[in-house]
Amino acid sequence: MMYCVKCRAKREGKDAQAVTMKNGKMATKAVCEVCGTTMFK
């Protein structure tokens, strides 16, 4: 479960993938199933 800022609710993300952020930390990037906004966790 990730928090979608646009929907203001916790949602499941689709097409989740592990990415490395600029500061070197790992994160999970996904797309909100309802509105299509990119979410990070």
PDB file of N, CA and C in Angstrom:
ATOM      1  N   MET A   1       0.840  -1.181   0.000  1.00  0.00           N
ATOM      2  CA  MET A   1       0.000   0.000   0.000  1.00  0.00           C
ATOM      3  C   MET A   1       0.887   1.247   0.000  1.00  0.00           C
ATOM      4  N   MET A   2       0.580   2.117  -0.911  1.00  0.00           N
ATOM      5  CA  MET A   2       1.293   3.387  -1.008  1.00  0.00           C
ATOM      6  C   MET A   2       0.289   4.517  -0.872  1.00  0.00           C
ATOM      7  N   TYR A   3       0.766   5.690  -0.478  1.00  0.00           N
ATOM      8  CA  TYR A   3      -0.115   6.844  -0.333  1.00  0.00           C
ATOM      9  C   TYR A   3      -0.121   7.645  -1.627  1.00  0.00           C
ATOM     10  N   CYS A   4      -1.309   7.866  -2.176  1.00  0.00           N
ATOM     11  CA  CYS A   4      -1.456   8.691  -3.374  1.00  0.00           C
ATOM     12  C   CYS A   4      -1.782  10.110  -2.936  1.00  0.00           C
ATOM     13  N   VAL A   5      -0.938  11.062  -3.301  1.00  0.00           N
ATOM     14  CA  VAL A   5      -1.120  12.454  -2.902  1.00  0.00           C
ATOM     15  C   VAL A   5      -2.346  13.054  -3.583  1.00  0.00           C
ATOM     16  N   LYS A   6      -2.578  12.686  -4.820  1.00  0.00           N
ATOM     17  CA  LYS A   6      -3.706  13.246  -5.571  1.00  0.00           C
ATOM     18  C   LYS A   6      -5.051  12.739  -5.034  1.00  0.00           C
ATOM     19  N   CYS A   7      -5.142  11.447  -4.729  1.00  0.00           N
ATOM     20  CA  CYS A   7      -6.388  10.869  -4.197  1.00  0.00           C
ATOM     21  C   CYS A   7      -6.532  11.095  -2.691  1.00  0.00           C
ATOM     22  N   ARG A   8      -5.418  11.388  -2.024  1.00  0.00           N
ATOM     23  CA  ARG A   8      -5.359  11.525  -0.567  1.00  0.00           C
ATOM     24  C   ARG A   8      -5.841  10.259   0.135  1.00  0.00           C
ATOM     25  N   ALA A   9      -5.371   9.114  -0.360  1.00  0.00           N
ATOM     26  CA  ALA A   9      -5.744   7.830   0.232  1.00  0.00           C
ATOM     27  C   ALA A   9      -4.647   6.810  -0.039  1.00  0.00           C
ATOM     28  N   LYS A  10      -4.616   5.753   0.767  1.00  0.00           N
ATOM     29  CA  LYS A  10      -3.674   4.660   0.535  1.00  0.00           C
ATOM     30  C   LYS A  10      -4.256   3.755  -0.533  1.00  0.00           C
ATOM     31  N   ARG A  11      -3.464   3.480  -1.550  1.00  0.00           N
ATOM     32  CA  ARG A  11      -3.926   2.683  -2.678  1.00  0.00           C
ATOM     33  C   ARG A  11      -2.865   1.653  -3.050  1.00  0.00           C
ATOM     34  N   GLU A  12      -3.300   0.617  -3.733  1.00  0.00           N
ATOM     35  CA  GLU A  12      -2.375  -0.346  -4.323  1.00  0.00           C
ATOM     36  C   GLU A  12      -1.800   0.283  -5.588  1.00  0.00           C
ATOM     37  N   GLY A  13      -0.533   0.035  -5.845  1.00  0.00           N
ATOM     38  CA  GLY A  13       0.092   0.556  -7.052  1.00  0.00           C
ATOM     39  C   GLY A  13       0.248  -0.529  -8.096  1.00  0.00           C
ATOM     40  N   LYS A  14       0.133  -0.168  -9.358  1.00  0.00           N
ATOM     41  CA  LYS A  14       0.359  -1.144 -10.423  1.00  0.00           C
ATOM     42  C   LYS A  14       1.685  -0.826 -11.100  1.00  0.00           C
ATOM     43  N   ASP A  15       2.268  -1.803 -11.750  1.00  0.00           N
ATOM     44  CA  ASP A  15       3.565  -1.674 -12.420  1.00  0.00           C
ATOM     45  C   ASP A  15       4.652  -1.222 -11.450  1.00  0.00           C
ATOM     46  N   ALA A  16       4.660  -1.787 -10.245  1.00  0.00           N
ATOM     47  CA  ALA A  16       5.649  -1.413  -9.233  1.00  0.00           C
ATOM     48  C   ALA A  16       7.032  -1.897  -9.645  1.00  0.00           C
ATOM     49  N   GLN A  17       8.033  -1.034  -9.444  1.00  0.00           N
ATOM     50  CA  GLN A  17       9.406  -1.397  -9.756  1.00  0.00           C
ATOM     51  C   GLN A  17      10.350  -0.743  -8.758  1.00  0.00           C
ATOM     52  N   ALA A  18      11.440  -1.443  -8.445  1.00  0.00           N
ATOM     53  CA  ALA A  18      12.440  -0.921  -7.522  1.00  0.00           C
ATOM     54  C   ALA A  18      13.355   0.035  -8.277  1.00  0.00           C
ATOM     55  N   VAL A  19      13.563   1.215  -7.710  1.00  0.00           N
ATOM     56  CA  VAL A  19      14.432   2.215  -8.321  1.00  0.00           C
ATOM     57  C   VAL A  19      15.399   2.747  -7.268  1.00  0.00           C
ATOM     58  N   THR A  20      16.512   3.323  -7.721  1.00  0.00           N
ATOM     59  CA  THR A  20      17.472   3.968  -6.838  1.00  0.00           C
ATOM     60  C   THR A  20      17.330   5.474  -7.010  1.00  0.00           C
ATOM     61  N   MET A  21      17.114   6.173  -5.902  1.00  0.00           N
ATOM     62  CA  MET A  21      16.940   7.623  -5.956  1.00  0.00           C
ATOM     63  C   MET A  21      18.300   8.317  -6.040  1.00  0.00           C
ATOM     64  N   LYS A  22      18.281   9.631  -6.255  1.00  0.00           N
ATOM     65  CA  LYS A  22      19.520  10.397  -6.425  1.00  0.00           C
ATOM     66  C   LYS A  22      20.463  10.272  -5.234  1.00  0.00           C
ATOM     67  N   ASN A  23      19.894  10.167  -4.025  1.00  0.00           N
ATOM     68  CA  ASN A  23      20.732  10.085  -2.828  1.00  0.00           C
ATOM     69  C   ASN A  23      21.239   8.667  -2.561  1.00  0.00           C
ATOM     70  N   GLY A  24      20.939   7.712  -3.454  1.00  0.00           N
ATOM     71  CA  GLY A  24      21.440   6.356  -3.331  1.00  0.00           C
ATOM     72  C   GLY A  24      20.515   5.400  -2.603  1.00  0.00           C
ATOM     73  N   LYS A  25      19.412   5.895  -2.064  1.00  0.00           N
ATOM     74  CA  LYS A  25      18.478   5.036  -1.346  1.00  0.00           C
ATOM     75  C   LYS A  25      17.533   4.339  -2.318  1.00  0.00           C
ATOM     76  N   MET A  26      17.109   3.144  -1.931  1.00  0.00           N
ATOM     77  CA  MET A  26      16.175   2.380  -2.752  1.00  0.00           C
ATOM     78  C   MET A  26      14.750   2.863  -2.492  1.00  0.00           C
ATOM     79  N   ALA A  27      13.918   2.805  -3.518  1.00  0.00           N
ATOM     80  CA  ALA A  27      12.515   3.187  -3.396  1.00  0.00           C
ATOM     81  C   ALA A  27      11.691   2.315  -4.331  1.00  0.00           C
ATOM     82  N   THR A  28      10.389   2.308  -4.114  1.00  0.00           N
ATOM     83  CA  THR A  28       9.470   1.598  -4.995  1.00  0.00           C
ATOM     84  C   THR A  28       8.632   2.632  -5.719  1.00  0.00           C
ATOM     85  N   LYS A  29       8.608   2.531  -7.035  1.00  0.00           N
ATOM     86  CA  LYS A  29       7.853   3.466  -7.866  1.00  0.00           C
ATOM     87  C   LYS A  29       6.696   2.705  -8.498  1.00  0.00           C
ATOM     88  N   ALA A  30       5.491   3.272  -8.422  1.00  0.00           N
ATOM     89  CA  ALA A  30       4.307   2.623  -8.989  1.00  0.00           C
ATOM     90  C   ALA A  30       3.338   3.686  -9.493  1.00  0.00           C
ATOM     91  N   VAL A  31       2.269   3.218 -10.125  1.00  0.00           N
ATOM     92  CA  VAL A  31       1.247   4.113 -10.656  1.00  0.00           C
ATOM     93  C   VAL A  31      -0.057   3.836  -9.915  1.00  0.00           C
ATOM     94  N   CYS A  32      -0.761   4.888  -9.510  1.00  0.00           N
ATOM     95  CA  CYS A  32      -2.045   4.748  -8.824  1.00  0.00           C
ATOM     96  C   CYS A  32      -3.059   4.122  -9.775  1.00  0.00           C
ATOM     97  N   GLU A  33      -3.776   3.112  -9.287  1.00  0.00           N
ATOM     98  CA  GLU A  33      -4.761   2.421 -10.120  1.00  0.00           C
ATOM     99  C   GLU A  33      -5.969   3.293 -10.438  1.00  0.00           C
ATOM    100  N   VAL A  34      -6.265   4.288  -9.585  1.00  0.00           N
ATOM    101  CA  VAL A  34      -7.464   5.108  -9.758  1.00  0.00           C
ATOM    102  C   VAL A  34      -7.206   6.316 -10.657  1.00  0.00           C
ATOM    103  N   CYS A  35      -6.169   7.118 -10.320  1.00  0.00           N
ATOM    104  CA  CYS A  35      -5.967   8.378 -11.046  1.00  0.00           C
ATOM    105  C   CYS A  35      -4.766   8.369 -11.991  1.00  0.00           C
ATOM    106  N   GLY A  36      -3.869   7.382 -11.876  1.00  0.00           N
ATOM    107  CA  GLY A  36      -2.733   7.294 -12.785  1.00  0.00           C
ATOM    108  C   GLY A  36      -1.524   8.114 -12.384  1.00  0.00           C
ATOM    109  N   THR A  37      -1.530   8.690 -11.188  1.00  0.00           N
ATOM    110  CA  THR A  37      -0.403   9.481 -10.703  1.00  0.00           C
ATOM    111  C   THR A  37       0.736   8.565 -10.260  1.00  0.00           C
ATOM    112  N   THR A  38       1.982   9.001 -10.461  1.00  0.00           N
ATOM    113  CA  THR A  38       3.146   8.243 -10.011  1.00  0.00           C
ATOM    114  C   THR A  38       3.262   8.347  -8.495  1.00  0.00           C
ATOM    115  N   MET A  39       3.487   7.200  -7.839  1.00  0.00           N
ATOM    116  CA  MET A  39       3.628   7.164  -6.385  1.00  0.00           C
ATOM    117  C   MET A  39       4.985   6.571  -6.029  1.00  0.00           C
ATOM    118  N   PHE A  40       5.558   7.015  -4.914  1.00  0.00           N
ATOM    119  CA  PHE A  40       6.819   6.486  -4.401  1.00  0.00           C
ATOM    120  C   PHE A  40       6.617   5.994  -2.984  1.00  0.00           C
ATOM    121  N   LYS A  41       7.396   4.978  -2.626  1.00  0.00           N
ATOM    122  CA  LYS A  41       7.406   4.500  -1.248  1.00  0.00           C
ATOM    123  C   LYS A  41       8.824   4.148  -0.892  1.00  0.00           C
TER     124      LYS A  41
END
